[in-house]
Amino acid sequence: MMNYVHGALYRNVLFPLYEEKTRGRPTLKRLRYLERSQWFSLDELTSIQSEELQKLLEHAWNAVPFYRQRLEQAGVGPTDVRTPEDLSQIPVMTRAEAQSSVEQRTSTRPPFPTIFKTTGGSTGQPLPIGYDYESEYWRLALKLRGYGWAGNRIGDKTLYYWGEPVKPRPLHARAKMALDRALRRDIYVNCTPRSEKDLLAVIQLIRRDRPSAIACYTQAGVALARFVLDQGLRTWGTIPVICAAERLFPADRKILEDAFGPSVFETYGCRETMLVAAECEAHAGLHVSMENLIVEILVNQEGQYRPAAPGEVGEVVLTDLHNLGMPFIRYAIGDLAMAGPRDRCACGRALVRMSSIEGRTADTLRDASGEHVSGLLFTLIFSPLASTVRQYQAIQHKNGSLTVRVVPTPRFDETALEHVLKNCHKYLKGLPVHVERVTDIPPEANGKRRVVVVEK
């Protein structure tokens, strides 16, 4: 009862006073708009995108040297690109281009970037990013809407089983963040250490504090769920689980459902733009944040891009409609996704969908002849082994050889080993392959665990 009262008080009184009156931020105004716009028709949503896109391109033409030059080189003026489909006239920007153009992509007129971050650089290529306050308000509101689809509302007690920054924040920043989290009743637990003692401590916290939802790095949540099932520790009903930062595989979803109940939701985001897409209650793909982003899923055929058909995998290319301070226009983020169906979702929302997030373009291996092989291969290899392998990781070393690390269950036998070796040799022709049995595959310092590692 106290949880309900505090949540309602924070949601209806304290948070509006803090956001709108104390800080003067229109986050809730944006959220109210998004709660209406999610029910718009696809034509209406596309019209909104077109209007914001024209504003973005006009600003980029007049105030962002990189894009002025890029448009001129393509023979395109800002008024030539009026709809999302017209974006094909503008070249796709690679990550390398984004890294080398930070200063040139910074606006020379208001709004200037006011918030600065750096991407994690899991591919070995960290990228400085900046955005203005208006962009921040959209990001915050979209997170609130996306998490709300999982039943997680403002003021609900939420456990964030999350990674911690590698670089410590200043004391004053930590104090402010601690106060903010306490008011929101957000509980943060570092998901990087995952010993039995650490996992048991999280279980005890769940029992004691009874969070309304768990938001987690996907593989951290799966490790916790496995521990719950192995030790028979579940003493709760359904706790919605919101997965982020890493792909949610079907076998992992089943483990989370068995440990925490059927309300498991996948989200997809990036540090450059925050929430890109989120799963709704229909569990039929991830709805794109269309009011803030134009998301293209493009297939690269001999250097020429075309839109992916439903069910086809392509590169994720983003255009951030509200970041005028340091724009991202047709930015290939380095991820692969499957294009979703084009009809309206069973939930009633017309927001376009991705069917699934498939991995990173950097997770591409080479066979002995130098031919590219997608890291998605290992999803196919290990899907039939869900009950015999707890975790796996494929590492292609600098000399081309492959080490496949597996955390086996008691059911892992010579047949399973032969299955892995046979398929690795089949698709990665001519490479030496070694399967290494390990007791754990620890996450990296940022709390994430990479499925495919290609040594540079």
Protein backbone atom coordinates (compact mmCIF):
# COMPACT_ATOMS: atom_id res chain seq x y z
CA MET A 1 0.00 0.00 0.00
CA MET A 2 2.83 2.40 0.89
CA ASN A 3 4.49 1.64 -2.45
CA TYR A 4 1.29 2.59 -4.26
CA VAL A 5 0.78 5.79 -2.27
CA HIS A 6 4.39 6.96 -2.71
CA GLY A 7 4.32 6.14 -6.42
CA ALA A 8 1.08 8.05 -6.97
CA LEU A 9 2.34 11.01 -4.92
CA TYR A 10 5.60 11.20 -6.86
CA ARG A 11 3.93 10.66 -10.23
CA ASN A 12 1.13 13.19 -9.77
CA VAL A 13 2.65 15.82 -7.47
CA LEU A 14 6.36 15.68 -6.73
CA PHE A 15 7.69 14.88 -10.20
CA PRO A 16 5.55 17.51 -12.00
CA LEU A 17 6.62 20.13 -9.42
CA TYR A 18 10.29 19.15 -9.76
CA GLU A 19 10.36 18.90 -13.57
CA GLU A 20 8.07 21.75 -14.57
CA LYS A 21 8.23 24.27 -11.72
CA THR A 22 11.66 23.79 -10.15
CA ARG A 23 13.71 22.88 -13.23
CA GLY A 24 11.50 24.37 -15.93
CA ARG A 25 11.83 21.29 -18.13
CA PRO A 26 9.02 20.31 -20.53
CA THR A 27 9.62 16.56 -20.12
CA LEU A 28 6.05 15.85 -19.00
CA LYS A 29 4.63 18.03 -21.76
CA ARG A 30 6.60 15.95 -24.26
CA LEU A 31 5.40 12.75 -22.59
CA ARG A 32 1.76 13.80 -22.77
CA TYR A 33 2.23 14.51 -26.47
CA LEU A 34 3.90 11.12 -27.04
CA GLU A 35 1.10 9.32 -25.24
CA ARG A 36 -1.28 10.83 -27.79
CA SER A 37 0.90 10.51 -30.87
CA GLN A 38 1.55 6.79 -30.35
CA TRP A 39 -2.04 6.21 -31.51
CA PHE A 40 -1.71 8.36 -34.67
CA SER A 41 -1.90 6.77 -38.09
CA LEU A 42 1.31 6.00 -39.96
CA ASP A 43 0.59 8.84 -42.38
CA GLU A 44 0.26 11.28 -39.48
CA LEU A 45 3.49 10.05 -37.89
CA THR A 46 5.34 10.30 -41.21
CA SER A 47 4.00 13.84 -41.65
CA ILE A 48 5.42 14.77 -38.23
CA GLN A 49 8.79 13.33 -39.25
CA SER A 50 8.75 15.25 -42.52
CA GLU A 51 8.06 18.55 -40.75
CA GLU A 52 10.87 18.03 -38.21
CA LEU A 53 13.24 16.80 -40.93
CA GLN A 54 12.80 20.01 -42.91
CA LYS A 55 13.63 22.08 -39.80
CA LEU A 56 16.69 19.93 -39.14
CA LEU A 57 18.03 20.22 -42.67
CA GLU A 58 17.46 23.95 -42.84
CA HIS A 59 19.43 24.37 -39.62
CA ALA A 60 22.16 22.00 -40.80
CA TRP A 61 22.49 23.90 -44.10
CA ASN A 62 22.83 27.26 -42.36
CA ALA A 63 24.75 26.35 -39.21
CA VAL A 64 26.57 23.01 -39.51
CA PRO A 65 29.60 23.12 -41.87
CA PHE A 66 29.88 19.34 -42.26
CA TYR A 67 26.34 18.94 -43.56
CA ARG A 68 26.42 22.08 -45.70
CA GLN A 69 29.43 20.60 -47.50
CA ARG A 70 27.90 17.12 -47.63
CA LEU A 71 24.67 18.35 -49.17
CA GLU A 72 26.47 20.55 -51.68
CA GLN A 73 28.69 17.65 -52.75
CA ALA A 74 25.60 15.51 -53.28
CA GLY A 75 23.97 18.31 -55.30
CA VAL A 76 21.13 18.53 -52.80
CA GLY A 77 19.60 21.60 -51.21
CA PRO A 78 17.74 21.55 -47.87
CA THR A 79 14.37 21.96 -49.60
CA ASP A 80 15.03 18.95 -51.86
CA VAL A 81 14.65 16.57 -48.90
CA ARG A 82 11.07 16.89 -47.66
CA THR A 83 10.14 13.36 -46.51
CA PRO A 84 11.93 10.41 -44.92
CA GLU A 85 12.04 8.72 -48.34
CA ASP A 86 13.94 11.72 -49.76
CA LEU A 87 16.81 11.07 -47.33
CA SER A 88 18.23 8.60 -49.84
CA GLN A 89 19.66 11.63 -51.67
CA ILE A 90 22.07 12.22 -48.77
CA PRO A 91 25.08 9.88 -48.36
CA VAL A 92 25.16 7.62 -45.31
CA MET A 93 27.65 8.77 -42.66
CA THR A 94 29.94 6.07 -41.28
CA ARG A 95 31.24 5.93 -37.73
CA ALA A 96 34.72 6.87 -38.96
CA GLU A 97 33.27 9.97 -40.62
CA ALA A 98 31.38 10.83 -37.43
CA GLN A 99 34.61 10.57 -35.43
CA SER A 100 36.58 12.76 -37.79
CA SER A 101 33.89 15.45 -38.09
CA VAL A 102 32.97 16.25 -34.48
CA GLU A 103 34.00 19.90 -34.73
CA GLN A 104 32.51 20.36 -38.20
CA ARG A 105 29.20 18.77 -37.08
CA THR A 106 28.89 21.18 -34.14
CA SER A 107 26.38 23.94 -34.74
CA THR A 108 27.77 27.46 -35.19
CA ARG A 109 24.43 29.00 -34.19
CA PRO A 110 21.96 28.30 -31.36
CA PRO A 111 21.03 25.81 -30.21
CA PHE A 112 24.55 24.75 -29.27
CA PRO A 113 25.35 21.35 -27.74
CA THR A 114 25.11 21.58 -23.96
CA ILE A 115 25.36 17.92 -22.90
CA PHE A 116 28.50 15.98 -23.80
CA LYS A 117 29.18 12.25 -23.60
CA THR A 118 31.37 9.63 -25.22
CA THR A 119 30.18 6.31 -26.57
CA GLY A 120 31.55 3.23 -24.85
CA GLY A 121 33.74 2.24 -27.78
CA SER A 122 33.01 -1.51 -27.60
CA THR A 123 34.34 -1.72 -31.16
CA GLY A 124 37.52 0.08 -30.15
CA GLN A 125 36.22 3.34 -31.62
CA PRO A 126 34.84 5.69 -28.93
CA LEU A 127 32.93 8.67 -30.32
CA PRO A 128 32.43 12.08 -28.63
CA ILE A 129 28.81 13.20 -28.89
CA GLY A 130 26.94 16.33 -27.90
CA TYR A 131 23.31 17.43 -27.93
CA ASP A 132 21.16 20.33 -26.79
CA TYR A 133 18.55 20.49 -24.03
CA GLU A 134 15.57 20.19 -26.37
CA SER A 135 16.96 16.87 -27.58
CA GLU A 136 17.40 15.78 -23.95
CA TYR A 137 13.72 16.45 -23.17
CA TRP A 138 12.62 14.23 -26.04
CA ARG A 139 15.00 11.48 -24.93
CA LEU A 140 13.71 11.53 -21.37
CA ALA A 141 10.06 11.55 -22.44
CA LEU A 142 10.57 8.68 -24.88
CA LYS A 143 12.22 6.57 -22.20
CA LEU A 144 9.26 7.19 -19.91
CA ARG A 145 6.83 6.16 -22.65
CA GLY A 146 8.82 3.10 -23.72
CA TYR A 147 9.27 1.84 -20.16
CA GLY A 148 5.61 2.60 -19.56
CA TRP A 149 4.69 -0.01 -22.16
CA ALA A 150 6.20 -2.54 -19.76
CA GLY A 151 3.94 -1.21 -16.99
CA ASN A 152 6.78 0.79 -15.42
CA ARG A 153 5.39 4.21 -14.47
CA ILE A 154 6.92 7.35 -13.00
CA GLY A 155 7.31 6.83 -9.26
CA ASP A 156 7.27 3.02 -9.37
CA LYS A 157 10.12 1.45 -7.45
CA THR A 158 12.52 0.13 -10.10
CA LEU A 159 15.65 -1.99 -9.73
CA TYR A 160 18.29 -1.06 -12.29
CA TYR A 161 20.69 -3.99 -12.62
CA TRP A 162 23.01 -1.83 -14.63
CA GLY A 163 26.63 -1.17 -15.52
CA GLU A 164 28.56 1.55 -13.71
CA PRO A 165 30.70 4.17 -15.45
CA VAL A 166 34.31 3.09 -15.72
CA LYS A 167 35.38 6.66 -14.95
CA PRO A 168 34.08 7.78 -11.51
CA ARG A 169 31.88 10.88 -11.43
CA PRO A 170 32.80 13.92 -9.28
CA LEU A 171 31.48 13.87 -5.71
CA HIS A 172 28.89 16.62 -6.29
CA ALA A 173 27.55 14.81 -9.35
CA ARG A 174 27.25 11.55 -7.41
CA ALA A 175 25.42 13.30 -4.57
CA LYS A 176 22.95 14.94 -6.94
CA MET A 177 22.37 11.64 -8.73
CA ALA A 178 21.83 9.79 -5.44
CA LEU A 179 19.19 12.33 -4.37
CA ASP A 180 17.48 12.15 -7.75
CA ARG A 181 17.37 8.36 -7.63
CA ALA A 182 16.07 8.34 -4.07
CA LEU A 183 13.20 10.66 -5.02
CA ARG A 184 12.33 8.49 -8.01
CA ARG A 185 12.82 5.32 -5.91
CA ASP A 186 15.28 3.92 -8.45
CA ILE A 187 17.62 1.31 -6.97
CA TYR A 188 20.90 0.88 -8.87
CA VAL A 189 23.01 -2.25 -8.48
CA ASN A 190 26.26 -2.73 -10.39
CA CYS A 191 25.74 -5.76 -12.64
CA THR A 192 29.42 -6.30 -13.45
CA PRO A 193 30.35 -8.52 -10.46
CA ARG A 194 28.36 -11.73 -10.79
CA SER A 195 29.75 -14.14 -8.20
CA GLU A 196 27.30 -16.33 -6.28
CA LYS A 197 27.58 -13.92 -3.35
CA ASP A 198 26.79 -10.92 -5.60
CA LEU A 199 23.81 -12.62 -7.22
CA LEU A 200 22.42 -13.72 -3.86
CA ALA A 201 22.65 -10.13 -2.61
CA VAL A 202 20.49 -8.99 -5.55
CA ILE A 203 17.91 -11.69 -4.77
CA GLN A 204 17.79 -10.56 -1.14
CA LEU A 205 17.31 -6.96 -2.30
CA ILE A 206 14.40 -8.01 -4.54
CA ARG A 207 12.75 -9.83 -1.66
CA ARG A 208 13.27 -6.93 0.74
CA ASP A 209 12.46 -3.94 -1.48
CA ARG A 210 9.92 -5.59 -3.80
CA PRO A 211 10.56 -3.51 -6.92
CA SER A 212 7.70 -3.01 -9.37
CA ALA A 213 10.03 -3.66 -12.30
CA ILE A 214 13.61 -4.64 -13.12
CA ALA A 215 15.55 -2.80 -15.83
CA CYS A 216 18.76 -4.62 -16.70
CA TYR A 217 21.58 -5.16 -19.10
CA THR A 218 20.20 -8.18 -20.91
CA GLN A 219 22.91 -10.72 -20.16
CA ALA A 220 23.21 -9.53 -16.56
CA GLY A 221 19.48 -10.14 -16.12
CA VAL A 222 19.80 -13.56 -17.72
CA ALA A 223 22.66 -14.50 -15.38
CA LEU A 224 20.52 -13.43 -12.41
CA ALA A 225 17.51 -15.36 -13.74
CA ARG A 226 19.60 -18.50 -14.24
CA PHE A 227 20.82 -18.26 -10.66
CA VAL A 228 17.22 -17.93 -9.43
CA LEU A 229 16.19 -21.05 -11.34
CA ASP A 230 19.26 -23.13 -10.48
CA GLN A 231 18.92 -22.39 -6.76
CA GLY A 232 15.11 -22.46 -6.64
CA LEU A 233 14.98 -18.95 -5.18
CA ARG A 234 11.84 -17.48 -6.75
CA THR A 235 9.44 -16.29 -4.05
CA TRP A 236 7.61 -13.57 -6.03
CA GLY A 237 4.91 -13.27 -8.64
CA THR A 238 5.42 -11.50 -11.94
CA ILE A 239 8.01 -8.70 -11.99
CA PRO A 240 8.24 -6.98 -15.39
CA VAL A 241 11.78 -7.11 -16.80
CA ILE A 242 13.00 -4.43 -19.21
CA CYS A 243 16.07 -5.56 -21.14
CA ALA A 244 18.55 -3.05 -22.56
CA ALA A 245 22.11 -2.60 -23.88
CA GLU A 246 22.41 -6.11 -25.37
CA ARG A 247 20.35 -8.30 -27.66
CA LEU A 248 17.65 -10.47 -26.08
CA PHE A 249 17.84 -13.96 -27.59
CA PRO A 250 14.73 -16.21 -27.57
CA ALA A 251 16.36 -18.72 -25.21
CA ASP A 252 17.28 -15.90 -22.83
CA ARG A 253 13.71 -14.58 -22.86
CA LYS A 254 12.48 -18.02 -21.75
CA ILE A 255 14.91 -18.04 -18.80
CA LEU A 256 13.80 -14.56 -17.73
CA GLU A 257 10.13 -15.54 -18.01
CA ASP A 258 10.67 -18.64 -15.87
CA ALA A 259 12.42 -16.59 -13.18
CA PHE A 260 10.35 -13.39 -13.16
CA GLY A 261 7.13 -14.07 -15.07
CA PRO A 262 5.92 -13.51 -18.64
CA SER A 263 6.32 -9.70 -18.72
CA VAL A 264 9.72 -9.48 -20.46
CA PHE A 265 10.33 -6.47 -22.71
CA GLU A 266 13.23 -5.72 -25.03
CA THR A 267 14.44 -2.19 -25.72
CA TYR A 268 17.04 -0.95 -28.18
CA GLY A 269 19.01 2.24 -27.81
CA CYS A 270 22.39 3.82 -28.24
CA ARG A 271 24.34 6.53 -26.50
CA GLU A 272 24.13 8.78 -29.56
CA THR A 273 20.31 9.05 -29.48
CA MET A 274 19.16 7.02 -26.43
CA LEU A 275 15.95 4.99 -26.91
CA VAL A 276 15.60 3.92 -30.55
CA ALA A 277 12.83 1.33 -30.17
CA ALA A 278 10.94 -0.56 -27.49
CA GLU A 279 8.72 -3.61 -27.24
CA CYS A 280 5.04 -3.17 -26.38
CA GLU A 281 2.62 -5.49 -24.63
CA ALA A 282 1.90 -7.36 -27.88
CA HIS A 283 5.53 -8.65 -27.95
CA ALA A 284 5.58 -8.50 -31.74
CA GLY A 285 8.72 -6.50 -32.44
CA LEU A 286 10.07 -3.16 -31.23
CA HIS A 287 8.28 0.11 -32.01
CA VAL A 288 10.58 2.84 -33.34
CA SER A 289 10.62 6.24 -31.60
CA MET A 290 9.31 7.87 -34.78
CA GLU A 291 8.57 11.24 -33.20
CA ASN A 292 12.26 11.71 -32.42
CA LEU A 293 14.11 9.61 -34.98
CA ILE A 294 13.99 8.43 -38.54
CA VAL A 295 15.30 4.87 -38.50
CA GLU A 296 16.28 3.25 -41.78
CA ILE A 297 17.22 -0.41 -42.08
CA LEU A 298 19.35 -0.58 -45.21
CA VAL A 299 20.89 -3.42 -47.19
CA ASN A 300 24.28 -2.59 -48.71
CA GLN A 301 24.58 -4.15 -52.15
CA GLU A 302 27.94 -3.46 -53.77
CA GLY A 303 28.16 -0.04 -52.16
CA GLN A 304 24.56 0.94 -52.93
CA TYR A 305 21.95 1.06 -50.17
CA ARG A 306 18.34 -0.01 -50.48
CA PRO A 307 15.62 -0.34 -47.80
CA ALA A 308 15.37 -3.79 -46.23
CA ALA A 309 12.17 -5.71 -46.91
CA PRO A 310 10.14 -7.03 -43.94
CA GLY A 311 12.05 -9.94 -42.43
CA GLU A 312 15.34 -8.87 -44.04
CA VAL A 313 18.43 -7.89 -42.04
CA GLY A 314 20.17 -4.61 -42.77
CA GLU A 315 22.27 -1.85 -41.23
CA VAL A 316 20.62 0.57 -38.80
CA VAL A 317 20.89 4.17 -40.03
CA LEU A 318 19.65 6.97 -37.76
CA THR A 319 18.58 10.56 -38.25
CA ASP A 320 18.03 12.42 -34.97
CA LEU A 321 15.28 14.95 -35.62
CA HIS A 322 15.76 17.08 -32.51
CA ASN A 323 19.52 17.25 -31.93
CA LEU A 324 20.38 20.53 -33.63
CA GLY A 325 23.46 21.12 -31.49
CA MET A 326 25.51 18.32 -33.08
CA PRO A 327 23.32 16.61 -35.68
CA PHE A 328 23.35 12.98 -36.74
CA ILE A 329 21.82 12.71 -40.20
CA ARG A 330 21.83 9.28 -41.87
CA TYR A 331 24.34 7.90 -39.39
CA ALA A 332 25.18 4.19 -39.75
CA ILE A 333 25.47 3.31 -36.10
CA GLY A 334 27.15 -0.05 -36.69
CA ASP A 335 24.21 -2.28 -35.71
CA LEU A 336 22.21 -4.82 -37.68
CA ALA A 337 18.46 -5.25 -37.34
CA MET A 338 15.64 -7.10 -39.03
CA ALA A 339 12.97 -4.94 -40.64
CA GLY A 340 9.56 -5.54 -39.14
CA PRO A 341 6.13 -5.96 -40.71
CA ARG A 342 4.54 -2.83 -42.13
CA ASP A 343 1.02 -3.32 -40.82
CA ARG A 344 -0.37 -1.83 -37.61
CA CYS A 345 0.65 -3.76 -34.49
CA ALA A 346 -1.93 -5.78 -32.55
CA CYS A 347 -1.52 -3.24 -29.73
CA GLY A 348 -3.09 -0.61 -32.01
CA ARG A 349 0.04 1.50 -32.51
CA ALA A 350 1.12 2.36 -36.05
CA LEU A 351 4.70 3.21 -35.02
CA VAL A 352 6.92 1.20 -37.37
CA ARG A 353 8.61 -1.87 -35.96
CA MET A 354 11.91 -3.68 -36.00
CA SER A 355 11.48 -7.45 -35.73
CA SER A 356 14.75 -7.96 -33.88
CA ILE A 357 18.20 -6.55 -33.20
CA GLU A 358 20.71 -8.87 -34.80
CA GLY A 359 24.16 -7.66 -33.70
CA ARG A 360 26.90 -5.31 -34.81
CA THR A 361 28.41 -4.86 -38.24
CA ALA A 362 31.80 -5.01 -36.51
CA ASP A 363 31.04 -8.59 -35.44
CA THR A 364 32.06 -9.85 -38.88
CA LEU A 365 34.66 -12.60 -39.13
CA ARG A 366 36.75 -13.78 -42.06
CA ASP A 367 37.39 -17.31 -43.22
CA ALA A 368 40.80 -18.53 -44.38
CA SER A 369 40.32 -17.06 -47.86
CA GLY A 370 39.38 -13.64 -46.48
CA GLU A 371 35.64 -13.92 -47.16
CA HIS A 372 33.36 -12.11 -44.67
CA VAL A 373 31.17 -14.23 -42.39
CA SER A 374 28.54 -12.60 -40.18
CA GLY A 375 28.78 -13.10 -36.43
CA LEU A 376 25.06 -13.97 -36.56
CA LEU A 377 26.34 -17.44 -37.47
CA PHE A 378 26.83 -18.23 -33.78
CA THR A 379 23.21 -17.50 -32.97
CA LEU A 380 22.29 -20.22 -35.46
CA ILE A 381 24.92 -22.64 -34.14
CA PHE A 382 23.97 -22.29 -30.49
CA SER A 383 20.17 -21.97 -30.74
CA PRO A 384 19.71 -25.78 -30.72
CA LEU A 385 22.04 -26.00 -27.69
CA ALA A 386 20.00 -23.79 -25.34
CA SER A 387 19.77 -26.56 -22.73
CA THR A 388 23.40 -27.64 -23.01
CA VAL A 389 25.30 -24.33 -23.11
CA ARG A 390 24.75 -21.57 -20.55
CA GLN A 391 26.89 -18.95 -22.27
CA TYR A 392 29.15 -18.75 -25.28
CA GLN A 393 31.57 -16.36 -26.87
CA ALA A 394 33.43 -16.56 -30.19
CA ILE A 395 36.83 -14.89 -30.49
CA GLN A 396 38.64 -14.53 -33.78
CA HIS A 397 42.29 -13.86 -33.04
CA LYS A 398 44.61 -11.66 -35.06
CA ASN A 399 46.09 -14.71 -36.79
CA GLY A 400 42.60 -15.72 -37.98
CA SER A 401 42.15 -18.72 -35.67
CA LEU A 402 38.93 -19.08 -33.74
CA THR A 403 38.36 -19.82 -30.05
CA VAL A 404 34.82 -20.66 -29.02
CA ARG A 405 34.34 -20.39 -25.27
CA VAL A 406 31.39 -22.24 -23.77
CA VAL A 407 30.00 -22.47 -20.25
CA PRO A 408 28.51 -25.97 -20.42
CA THR A 409 25.64 -27.51 -18.49
CA PRO A 410 25.90 -31.18 -17.39
CA ARG A 411 24.12 -32.06 -20.65
CA PHE A 412 27.00 -30.81 -22.81
CA ASP A 413 28.55 -33.92 -24.39
CA GLU A 414 30.60 -35.01 -27.38
CA THR A 415 27.57 -34.68 -29.65
CA ALA A 416 27.19 -31.00 -28.71
CA LEU A 417 30.93 -30.45 -29.14
CA GLU A 418 30.86 -32.05 -32.58
CA HIS A 419 27.87 -29.84 -33.54
CA VAL A 420 29.84 -26.69 -32.70
CA LEU A 421 33.03 -27.80 -34.46
CA LYS A 422 31.23 -29.11 -37.53
CA ASN A 423 29.33 -25.88 -38.12
CA CYS A 424 32.32 -23.63 -37.40
CA HIS A 425 34.37 -25.55 -39.96
CA LYS A 426 31.46 -25.50 -42.41
CA TYR A 427 30.98 -21.73 -42.39
CA LEU A 428 34.48 -20.55 -41.47
CA LYS A 429 36.33 -22.66 -43.97
CA GLY A 430 40.01 -23.32 -43.41
CA LEU A 431 40.25 -21.80 -39.91
CA PRO A 432 41.72 -23.59 -36.90
CA VAL A 433 38.90 -23.84 -34.33
CA HIS A 434 39.33 -24.54 -30.63
CA VAL A 435 36.42 -25.04 -28.24
CA GLU A 436 37.32 -24.03 -24.70
CA ARG A 437 35.14 -25.08 -21.77
CA VAL A 438 35.09 -22.43 -19.06
CA THR A 439 33.16 -21.91 -15.83
CA ASP A 440 32.25 -18.29 -16.61
CA ILE A 441 32.51 -15.63 -19.29
CA PRO A 442 32.79 -12.42 -17.28
CA PRO A 443 31.40 -9.15 -18.62
CA GLU A 444 33.62 -6.30 -19.67
CA ALA A 445 34.21 -3.27 -17.43
CA ASN A 446 31.02 -1.61 -18.71
CA GLY A 447 28.88 -4.56 -17.57
CA LYS A 448 28.21 -5.93 -21.06
CA ARG A 449 29.31 -9.28 -22.44
CA ARG A 450 30.13 -9.47 -26.14
CA VAL A 451 29.03 -12.61 -27.96
CA VAL A 452 31.49 -12.13 -30.83
CA VAL A 453 34.94 -10.57 -30.46
CA VAL A 454 37.10 -9.85 -33.48
CA GLU A 455 40.60 -8.87 -32.41
CA LYS A 456 41.93 -5.88 -34.29
